[in-house]
């Protein structure tokens, strides 16, 4: 179970593994201390109910997948399907279907990640809380700092 979050002072990404049970984390870049508020539900590895960084209880869930890799796959799919549609015709459709099936497989097998609206802390390796929904722009405007 891992928490990744930006430093409050310099915005450098930091990670902490909860099995080590730290009470605070020191940023390696600016040496700012961040206290960790780890509720019992986090330490037991159950669902995320309250943020260990900022203490808020507003989260959203998404699949744990790199956006750079996802956009690269979409771009490659566009290029391949455009090429095959222009020069070959029907195989371009098969490329699109193949990319869509690959996307569905990746989505099915990837784990969930919980993200705090306020401090952007990312919680990996925890069970998905049924009370947390997908990203909501209205909630972002209400609870987000940015």
N, C-alpha and C. Protein backbone atom coordinates (compact mmCIF):
# COMPACT_ATOMS: atom_id res chain seq x y z
N UNK A 1 0.84 -1.16 0.00
CA UNK A 1 0.00 0.00 0.00
C UNK A 1 0.89 1.23 0.00
N UNK A 2 0.68 2.06 -1.00
CA UNK A 2 1.58 3.18 -1.25
C UNK A 2 0.78 4.46 -1.41
N UNK A 3 1.33 5.56 -0.87
CA UNK A 3 0.74 6.89 -1.04
C UNK A 3 1.77 7.76 -1.74
N UNK A 4 1.37 8.40 -2.84
CA UNK A 4 2.22 9.34 -3.56
C UNK A 4 1.54 10.70 -3.50
N UNK A 5 2.31 11.73 -3.14
CA UNK A 5 1.72 13.05 -2.99
C UNK A 5 2.76 14.13 -3.26
N UNK A 6 2.32 15.33 -3.68
CA UNK A 6 3.26 16.43 -3.89
C UNK A 6 3.62 17.10 -2.56
N UNK A 7 4.88 17.49 -2.44
CA UNK A 7 5.34 18.22 -1.25
C UNK A 7 4.59 19.55 -1.18
N UNK A 8 4.19 19.94 0.01
CA UNK A 8 3.44 21.19 0.17
C UNK A 8 4.31 22.41 -0.11
N UNK A 9 5.62 22.29 0.07
CA UNK A 9 6.51 23.43 -0.12
C UNK A 9 7.01 23.55 -1.55
N UNK A 10 7.56 22.46 -2.12
CA UNK A 10 8.21 22.56 -3.43
C UNK A 10 7.48 21.80 -4.53
N UNK A 11 6.40 21.09 -4.21
CA UNK A 11 5.57 20.34 -5.16
C UNK A 11 6.27 19.12 -5.76
N UNK A 12 7.43 18.71 -5.22
CA UNK A 12 8.10 17.49 -5.69
C UNK A 12 7.30 16.28 -5.22
N UNK A 13 7.19 15.26 -6.09
CA UNK A 13 6.43 14.07 -5.71
C UNK A 13 7.19 13.25 -4.69
N UNK A 14 6.47 12.79 -3.68
CA UNK A 14 7.02 11.94 -2.63
C UNK A 14 6.17 10.69 -2.53
N UNK A 15 6.77 9.61 -2.07
CA UNK A 15 6.04 8.36 -1.88
C UNK A 15 6.33 7.80 -0.51
N UNK A 16 5.34 7.16 0.05
CA UNK A 16 5.51 6.50 1.34
C UNK A 16 4.77 5.17 1.29
N UNK A 17 5.40 4.14 1.83
CA UNK A 17 4.77 2.83 1.93
C UNK A 17 4.27 2.68 3.36
N UNK A 18 2.99 2.43 3.52
CA UNK A 18 2.39 2.44 4.86
C UNK A 18 2.84 1.29 5.74
N UNK A 19 3.39 0.23 5.17
CA UNK A 19 3.85 -0.87 6.01
C UNK A 19 5.04 -0.46 6.87
N UNK A 20 5.75 0.60 6.45
CA UNK A 20 6.87 1.11 7.23
C UNK A 20 6.39 1.92 8.44
N UNK A 21 5.12 2.35 8.43
CA UNK A 21 4.46 3.06 9.53
C UNK A 21 5.18 4.34 9.97
N UNK A 22 5.48 5.26 9.04
CA UNK A 22 6.12 6.52 9.44
C UNK A 22 5.10 7.50 10.02
N UNK A 23 5.57 8.41 10.87
CA UNK A 23 4.68 9.43 11.42
C UNK A 23 4.82 10.74 10.67
N UNK A 24 5.95 10.92 9.99
CA UNK A 24 6.15 12.11 9.15
C UNK A 24 7.11 11.75 8.03
N UNK A 25 7.09 12.57 7.00
CA UNK A 25 7.95 12.35 5.85
C UNK A 25 8.72 13.63 5.57
N UNK A 26 10.01 13.51 5.30
CA UNK A 26 10.85 14.66 5.00
C UNK A 26 11.13 14.67 3.51
N UNK A 27 10.84 15.79 2.86
CA UNK A 27 11.06 15.93 1.42
C UNK A 27 12.56 15.88 1.14
N UNK A 28 13.01 15.03 0.21
CA UNK A 28 14.44 14.97 -0.09
C UNK A 28 14.94 16.19 -0.86
N UNK A 29 14.03 16.97 -1.42
CA UNK A 29 14.42 18.12 -2.23
C UNK A 29 14.54 19.41 -1.41
N UNK A 30 13.53 19.70 -0.59
CA UNK A 30 13.53 20.96 0.17
C UNK A 30 13.57 20.75 1.68
N UNK A 31 13.55 19.49 2.13
CA UNK A 31 13.63 19.10 3.54
C UNK A 31 12.43 19.57 4.37
N UNK A 32 11.31 19.86 3.72
CA UNK A 32 10.09 20.21 4.45
C UNK A 32 9.47 18.93 5.03
N UNK A 33 8.95 19.04 6.23
CA UNK A 33 8.33 17.89 6.89
C UNK A 33 6.83 17.86 6.63
N UNK A 34 6.32 16.68 6.31
CA UNK A 34 4.89 16.48 6.11
C UNK A 34 4.42 15.45 7.12
N UNK A 35 3.56 15.85 8.07
CA UNK A 35 3.05 14.85 9.02
C UNK A 35 2.05 13.93 8.33
N UNK A 36 2.08 12.66 8.68
CA UNK A 36 1.15 11.69 8.12
C UNK A 36 0.09 11.35 9.16
N UNK A 37 -1.16 11.52 8.77
CA UNK A 37 -2.29 11.21 9.63
C UNK A 37 -2.86 9.89 9.12
N UNK A 38 -2.35 8.78 9.59
CA UNK A 38 -2.76 7.47 9.07
C UNK A 38 -3.84 6.87 9.95
N UNK A 39 -5.11 6.95 9.52
CA UNK A 39 -6.19 6.34 10.30
C UNK A 39 -6.04 4.82 10.35
N UNK A 40 -6.76 4.20 11.25
CA UNK A 40 -6.67 2.74 11.42
C UNK A 40 -7.08 2.00 10.16
N UNK A 41 -8.04 2.53 9.40
CA UNK A 41 -8.48 1.85 8.18
C UNK A 41 -7.36 1.82 7.14
N UNK A 42 -6.52 2.85 7.10
CA UNK A 42 -5.38 2.85 6.18
C UNK A 42 -4.31 1.87 6.64
N UNK A 43 -4.00 1.87 7.90
CA UNK A 43 -2.96 0.99 8.41
C UNK A 43 -3.36 -0.47 8.29
N UNK A 44 -4.63 -0.76 8.37
CA UNK A 44 -5.10 -2.14 8.23
C UNK A 44 -5.20 -2.55 6.77
N UNK A 45 -5.01 -1.60 5.84
CA UNK A 45 -5.05 -1.92 4.43
C UNK A 45 -6.44 -2.05 3.86
N UNK A 46 -7.41 -1.49 4.55
CA UNK A 46 -8.77 -1.55 4.05
C UNK A 46 -9.01 -0.39 3.09
N UNK A 47 -10.19 0.18 3.12
CA UNK A 47 -10.53 1.26 2.19
C UNK A 47 -10.01 2.60 2.70
N UNK A 48 -9.85 3.54 1.78
CA UNK A 48 -9.42 4.89 2.12
C UNK A 48 -10.65 5.69 2.51
N UNK A 49 -10.67 6.21 3.73
CA UNK A 49 -11.80 7.00 4.21
C UNK A 49 -11.42 8.44 4.48
N UNK A 50 -10.18 8.68 4.89
CA UNK A 50 -9.70 10.02 5.20
C UNK A 50 -8.27 10.13 4.69
N UNK A 51 -7.91 11.28 4.15
CA UNK A 51 -6.59 11.48 3.56
C UNK A 51 -5.52 11.52 4.65
N UNK A 52 -4.44 10.80 4.44
CA UNK A 52 -3.33 10.77 5.40
C UNK A 52 -2.48 12.03 5.32
N UNK A 53 -2.64 12.83 4.27
CA UNK A 53 -1.83 14.03 4.08
C UNK A 53 -2.56 15.27 4.58
N UNK A 54 -3.80 15.48 4.10
CA UNK A 54 -4.52 16.71 4.45
C UNK A 54 -5.68 16.49 5.42
N UNK A 55 -6.09 15.25 5.64
CA UNK A 55 -7.16 14.96 6.58
C UNK A 55 -8.56 15.07 6.02
N UNK A 56 -8.72 15.43 4.74
CA UNK A 56 -10.06 15.57 4.14
C UNK A 56 -10.63 14.20 3.78
N UNK A 57 -11.92 14.18 3.46
CA UNK A 57 -12.57 12.90 3.14
C UNK A 57 -13.23 12.90 1.76
N UNK A 58 -12.74 13.73 0.84
CA UNK A 58 -13.32 13.80 -0.50
C UNK A 58 -12.32 13.23 -1.51
N UNK A 59 -12.71 12.12 -2.15
CA UNK A 59 -11.84 11.39 -3.06
C UNK A 59 -12.56 11.05 -4.35
N UNK A 60 -11.79 10.71 -5.37
CA UNK A 60 -12.33 10.11 -6.58
C UNK A 60 -11.45 8.93 -6.95
N UNK A 61 -11.97 8.04 -7.78
CA UNK A 61 -11.22 6.85 -8.18
C UNK A 61 -10.99 6.87 -9.69
N UNK A 62 -9.89 6.27 -10.09
CA UNK A 62 -9.59 6.09 -11.51
C UNK A 62 -8.68 4.88 -11.63
N UNK A 63 -8.54 4.38 -12.84
CA UNK A 63 -7.63 3.27 -13.07
C UNK A 63 -6.20 3.77 -12.98
N UNK A 64 -5.32 2.94 -12.45
CA UNK A 64 -3.92 3.29 -12.24
C UNK A 64 -3.14 3.04 -13.53
N UNK A 65 -3.17 4.02 -14.42
CA UNK A 65 -2.52 3.89 -15.72
C UNK A 65 -1.88 5.21 -16.10
N UNK A 66 -0.70 5.15 -16.67
CA UNK A 66 0.03 6.35 -17.07
C UNK A 66 -0.68 7.04 -18.23
N UNK A 67 -0.94 8.32 -18.09
CA UNK A 67 -1.59 9.07 -19.16
C UNK A 67 -0.70 9.19 -20.39
N UNK A 68 0.61 9.28 -20.18
CA UNK A 68 1.53 9.37 -21.31
C UNK A 68 1.46 8.10 -22.16
N UNK A 69 1.44 6.95 -21.52
CA UNK A 69 1.35 5.69 -22.27
C UNK A 69 0.00 5.60 -22.97
N UNK A 70 -1.07 6.00 -22.30
CA UNK A 70 -2.39 5.96 -22.90
C UNK A 70 -2.51 6.84 -24.12
N UNK A 71 -1.99 8.07 -24.03
CA UNK A 71 -2.04 8.97 -25.19
C UNK A 71 -1.14 8.47 -26.32
N UNK A 72 -0.02 7.84 -25.98
CA UNK A 72 0.85 7.27 -27.00
C UNK A 72 0.13 6.15 -27.75
N UNK A 73 -0.57 5.28 -27.02
CA UNK A 73 -1.33 4.21 -27.67
C UNK A 73 -2.43 4.76 -28.57
N UNK A 74 -3.12 5.79 -28.12
CA UNK A 74 -4.17 6.41 -28.94
C UNK A 74 -3.56 7.00 -30.21
N UNK A 75 -2.43 7.69 -30.08
CA UNK A 75 -1.77 8.29 -31.23
C UNK A 75 -1.32 7.22 -32.23
N UNK A 76 -0.74 6.13 -31.73
CA UNK A 76 -0.31 5.03 -32.61
C UNK A 76 -1.53 4.41 -33.30
N UNK A 77 -2.62 4.25 -32.55
CA UNK A 77 -3.85 3.71 -33.15
C UNK A 77 -4.39 4.60 -34.25
N UNK A 78 -4.35 5.91 -34.04
CA UNK A 78 -4.81 6.85 -35.07
C UNK A 78 -3.95 6.76 -36.31
N UNK A 79 -2.63 6.74 -36.11
CA UNK A 79 -1.72 6.65 -37.26
C UNK A 79 -1.91 5.35 -38.03
N UNK A 80 -1.96 4.22 -37.32
CA UNK A 80 -2.10 2.93 -38.00
C UNK A 80 -3.44 2.81 -38.71
N UNK A 81 -4.52 3.20 -38.05
CA UNK A 81 -5.83 3.08 -38.69
C UNK A 81 -5.96 4.03 -39.87
N UNK A 82 -5.38 5.22 -39.77
CA UNK A 82 -5.41 6.16 -40.90
C UNK A 82 -4.63 5.61 -42.08
N UNK A 83 -3.46 5.06 -41.80
CA UNK A 83 -2.63 4.50 -42.88
C UNK A 83 -3.36 3.35 -43.57
N UNK A 84 -3.83 2.38 -42.77
CA UNK A 84 -4.48 1.22 -43.37
C UNK A 84 -5.81 1.56 -44.03
N UNK A 85 -6.53 2.52 -43.52
CA UNK A 85 -7.78 2.93 -44.16
C UNK A 85 -7.50 3.60 -45.50
N UNK A 86 -6.47 4.43 -45.55
CA UNK A 86 -6.16 5.15 -46.78
C UNK A 86 -5.59 4.22 -47.86
N UNK A 87 -4.66 3.34 -47.47
CA UNK A 87 -3.98 2.51 -48.46
C UNK A 87 -4.60 1.14 -48.66
N UNK A 88 -5.24 0.59 -47.65
CA UNK A 88 -5.75 -0.77 -47.74
C UNK A 88 -7.28 -0.85 -47.67
N UNK A 89 -7.91 0.14 -47.07
CA UNK A 89 -9.37 0.13 -46.96
C UNK A 89 -9.85 -0.55 -45.69
N UNK A 90 -10.39 -1.74 -45.83
CA UNK A 90 -11.02 -2.45 -44.72
C UNK A 90 -10.07 -2.78 -43.56
N UNK A 91 -8.80 -3.11 -43.77
CA UNK A 91 -7.93 -3.39 -42.61
C UNK A 91 -7.83 -2.24 -41.61
N UNK A 92 -8.09 -1.03 -42.03
CA UNK A 92 -8.10 0.09 -41.10
C UNK A 92 -9.16 -0.07 -40.02
N UNK A 93 -10.30 -0.64 -40.40
CA UNK A 93 -11.37 -0.92 -39.44
C UNK A 93 -10.92 -1.98 -38.44
N UNK A 94 -10.21 -2.99 -38.92
CA UNK A 94 -9.71 -4.04 -38.02
C UNK A 94 -8.68 -3.50 -37.04
N UNK A 95 -7.89 -2.53 -37.48
CA UNK A 95 -6.93 -1.89 -36.57
C UNK A 95 -7.69 -1.16 -35.46
N UNK A 96 -8.74 -0.44 -35.81
CA UNK A 96 -9.54 0.26 -34.80
C UNK A 96 -10.18 -0.72 -33.81
N UNK A 97 -10.70 -1.82 -34.33
CA UNK A 97 -11.31 -2.83 -33.46
C UNK A 97 -10.25 -3.43 -32.54
N UNK A 98 -9.06 -3.70 -33.09
CA UNK A 98 -7.97 -4.25 -32.28
C UNK A 98 -7.54 -3.30 -31.17
N UNK A 99 -7.44 -2.01 -31.48
CA UNK A 99 -7.07 -1.02 -30.47
C UNK A 99 -8.16 -0.92 -29.40
N UNK A 100 -9.42 -0.98 -29.81
CA UNK A 100 -10.52 -0.93 -28.84
C UNK A 100 -10.50 -2.16 -27.92
N UNK A 101 -10.21 -3.34 -28.47
CA UNK A 101 -10.11 -4.55 -27.64
C UNK A 101 -8.93 -4.47 -26.69
N UNK A 102 -7.81 -3.95 -27.16
CA UNK A 102 -6.64 -3.77 -26.30
C UNK A 102 -6.97 -2.81 -25.15
N UNK A 103 -7.67 -1.74 -25.47
CA UNK A 103 -8.08 -0.77 -24.45
C UNK A 103 -8.98 -1.42 -23.41
N UNK A 104 -9.92 -2.23 -23.84
CA UNK A 104 -10.83 -2.90 -22.92
C UNK A 104 -10.08 -3.89 -22.02
N UNK A 105 -9.12 -4.63 -22.58
CA UNK A 105 -8.33 -5.57 -21.78
C UNK A 105 -7.49 -4.85 -20.73
N UNK A 106 -6.85 -3.77 -21.14
CA UNK A 106 -6.03 -3.00 -20.21
C UNK A 106 -6.91 -2.44 -19.10
N UNK A 107 -8.06 -1.90 -19.44
CA UNK A 107 -8.98 -1.34 -18.45
C UNK A 107 -9.44 -2.42 -17.47
N UNK A 108 -9.70 -3.61 -17.97
CA UNK A 108 -10.21 -4.69 -17.12
C UNK A 108 -9.17 -5.14 -16.10
N UNK A 109 -7.92 -5.22 -16.49
CA UNK A 109 -6.89 -5.80 -15.63
C UNK A 109 -6.17 -4.80 -14.73
N UNK A 110 -6.29 -3.51 -14.99
CA UNK A 110 -5.58 -2.53 -14.16
C UNK A 110 -6.27 -2.34 -12.82
N UNK A 111 -5.48 -2.09 -11.76
CA UNK A 111 -6.07 -1.85 -10.44
C UNK A 111 -6.62 -0.43 -10.32
N UNK A 112 -7.46 -0.22 -9.31
CA UNK A 112 -8.02 1.10 -9.04
C UNK A 112 -7.06 1.91 -8.18
N UNK A 113 -7.13 3.21 -8.32
CA UNK A 113 -6.33 4.14 -7.54
C UNK A 113 -7.29 5.20 -6.99
N UNK A 114 -7.13 5.57 -5.73
CA UNK A 114 -7.95 6.60 -5.10
C UNK A 114 -7.14 7.89 -5.00
N UNK A 115 -7.75 9.03 -5.35
CA UNK A 115 -7.04 10.31 -5.36
C UNK A 115 -7.83 11.33 -4.54
N UNK A 116 -7.12 12.07 -3.70
CA UNK A 116 -7.72 13.12 -2.88
C UNK A 116 -7.96 14.36 -3.73
N UNK A 117 -9.15 14.93 -3.66
CA UNK A 117 -9.44 16.16 -4.40
C UNK A 117 -8.60 17.33 -3.92
N UNK A 118 -8.33 17.41 -2.62
CA UNK A 118 -7.68 18.59 -2.05
C UNK A 118 -6.18 18.62 -2.30
N UNK A 119 -5.47 17.54 -1.93
CA UNK A 119 -4.01 17.57 -2.00
C UNK A 119 -3.42 16.71 -3.10
N UNK A 120 -4.24 16.01 -3.86
CA UNK A 120 -3.82 15.17 -4.97
C UNK A 120 -3.01 13.94 -4.54
N UNK A 121 -3.16 13.51 -3.30
CA UNK A 121 -2.48 12.30 -2.85
C UNK A 121 -3.10 11.10 -3.56
N UNK A 122 -2.24 10.19 -4.05
CA UNK A 122 -2.68 9.01 -4.79
C UNK A 122 -2.48 7.78 -3.91
N UNK A 123 -3.54 7.02 -3.71
CA UNK A 123 -3.51 5.83 -2.87
C UNK A 123 -3.57 4.60 -3.75
N UNK A 124 -2.51 3.79 -3.71
CA UNK A 124 -2.43 2.57 -4.51
C UNK A 124 -2.37 1.36 -3.57
N UNK A 125 -3.04 0.28 -3.99
CA UNK A 125 -2.98 -0.96 -3.24
C UNK A 125 -4.07 -1.11 -2.19
N UNK A 126 -4.98 -0.17 -2.10
CA UNK A 126 -6.09 -0.25 -1.16
C UNK A 126 -7.33 -0.77 -1.88
N UNK A 127 -8.27 -1.30 -1.13
CA UNK A 127 -9.53 -1.71 -1.73
C UNK A 127 -10.30 -0.47 -2.17
N UNK A 128 -11.09 -0.63 -3.23
CA UNK A 128 -11.89 0.49 -3.74
C UNK A 128 -13.05 0.76 -2.78
N UNK A 129 -13.15 2.00 -2.34
CA UNK A 129 -14.24 2.41 -1.46
C UNK A 129 -15.49 2.63 -2.31
N UNK A 130 -16.60 1.94 -2.02
CA UNK A 130 -17.81 2.12 -2.83
C UNK A 130 -18.42 3.52 -2.72
N UNK A 131 -18.02 4.29 -1.71
CA UNK A 131 -18.53 5.66 -1.57
C UNK A 131 -17.82 6.65 -2.49
N UNK A 132 -16.67 6.27 -3.03
CA UNK A 132 -15.92 7.16 -3.91
C UNK A 132 -16.32 6.90 -5.35
N UNK A 133 -16.59 7.98 -6.07
CA UNK A 133 -17.03 7.88 -7.45
C UNK A 133 -15.93 8.36 -8.39
N UNK A 134 -16.23 8.39 -9.68
CA UNK A 134 -15.27 8.89 -10.66
C UNK A 134 -15.11 10.40 -10.50
N UNK A 135 -14.12 10.97 -11.18
CA UNK A 135 -13.83 12.40 -11.09
C UNK A 135 -15.07 13.22 -11.44
N UNK A 136 -15.32 14.24 -10.63
CA UNK A 136 -16.46 15.13 -10.82
C UNK A 136 -15.94 16.57 -10.79
N UNK A 137 -16.14 17.30 -11.87
CA UNK A 137 -15.63 18.67 -11.96
C UNK A 137 -16.25 19.57 -10.89
N UNK A 138 -17.51 19.35 -10.58
CA UNK A 138 -18.17 20.15 -9.54
C UNK A 138 -17.50 19.93 -8.18
N UNK A 139 -17.20 18.68 -7.86
CA UNK A 139 -16.50 18.38 -6.60
C UNK A 139 -15.09 18.95 -6.62
N UNK A 140 -14.44 18.93 -7.77
CA UNK A 140 -13.10 19.50 -7.90
C UNK A 140 -13.13 21.00 -7.61
N UNK A 141 -14.12 21.70 -8.13
CA UNK A 141 -14.23 23.13 -7.88
C UNK A 141 -14.56 23.42 -6.41
N UNK A 142 -15.28 22.52 -5.78
CA UNK A 142 -15.68 22.73 -4.39
C UNK A 142 -14.57 22.39 -3.41
N UNK A 143 -13.84 21.30 -3.64
CA UNK A 143 -12.86 20.82 -2.66
C UNK A 143 -11.41 21.02 -3.07
N UNK A 144 -11.14 21.17 -4.36
CA UNK A 144 -9.76 21.27 -4.83
C UNK A 144 -9.13 22.60 -4.49
N UNK A 145 -7.82 22.58 -4.32
CA UNK A 145 -7.08 23.80 -3.99
C UNK A 145 -6.64 24.55 -5.24
N UNK A 146 -6.61 23.89 -6.36
CA UNK A 146 -5.97 24.46 -7.55
C UNK A 146 -6.93 25.27 -8.39
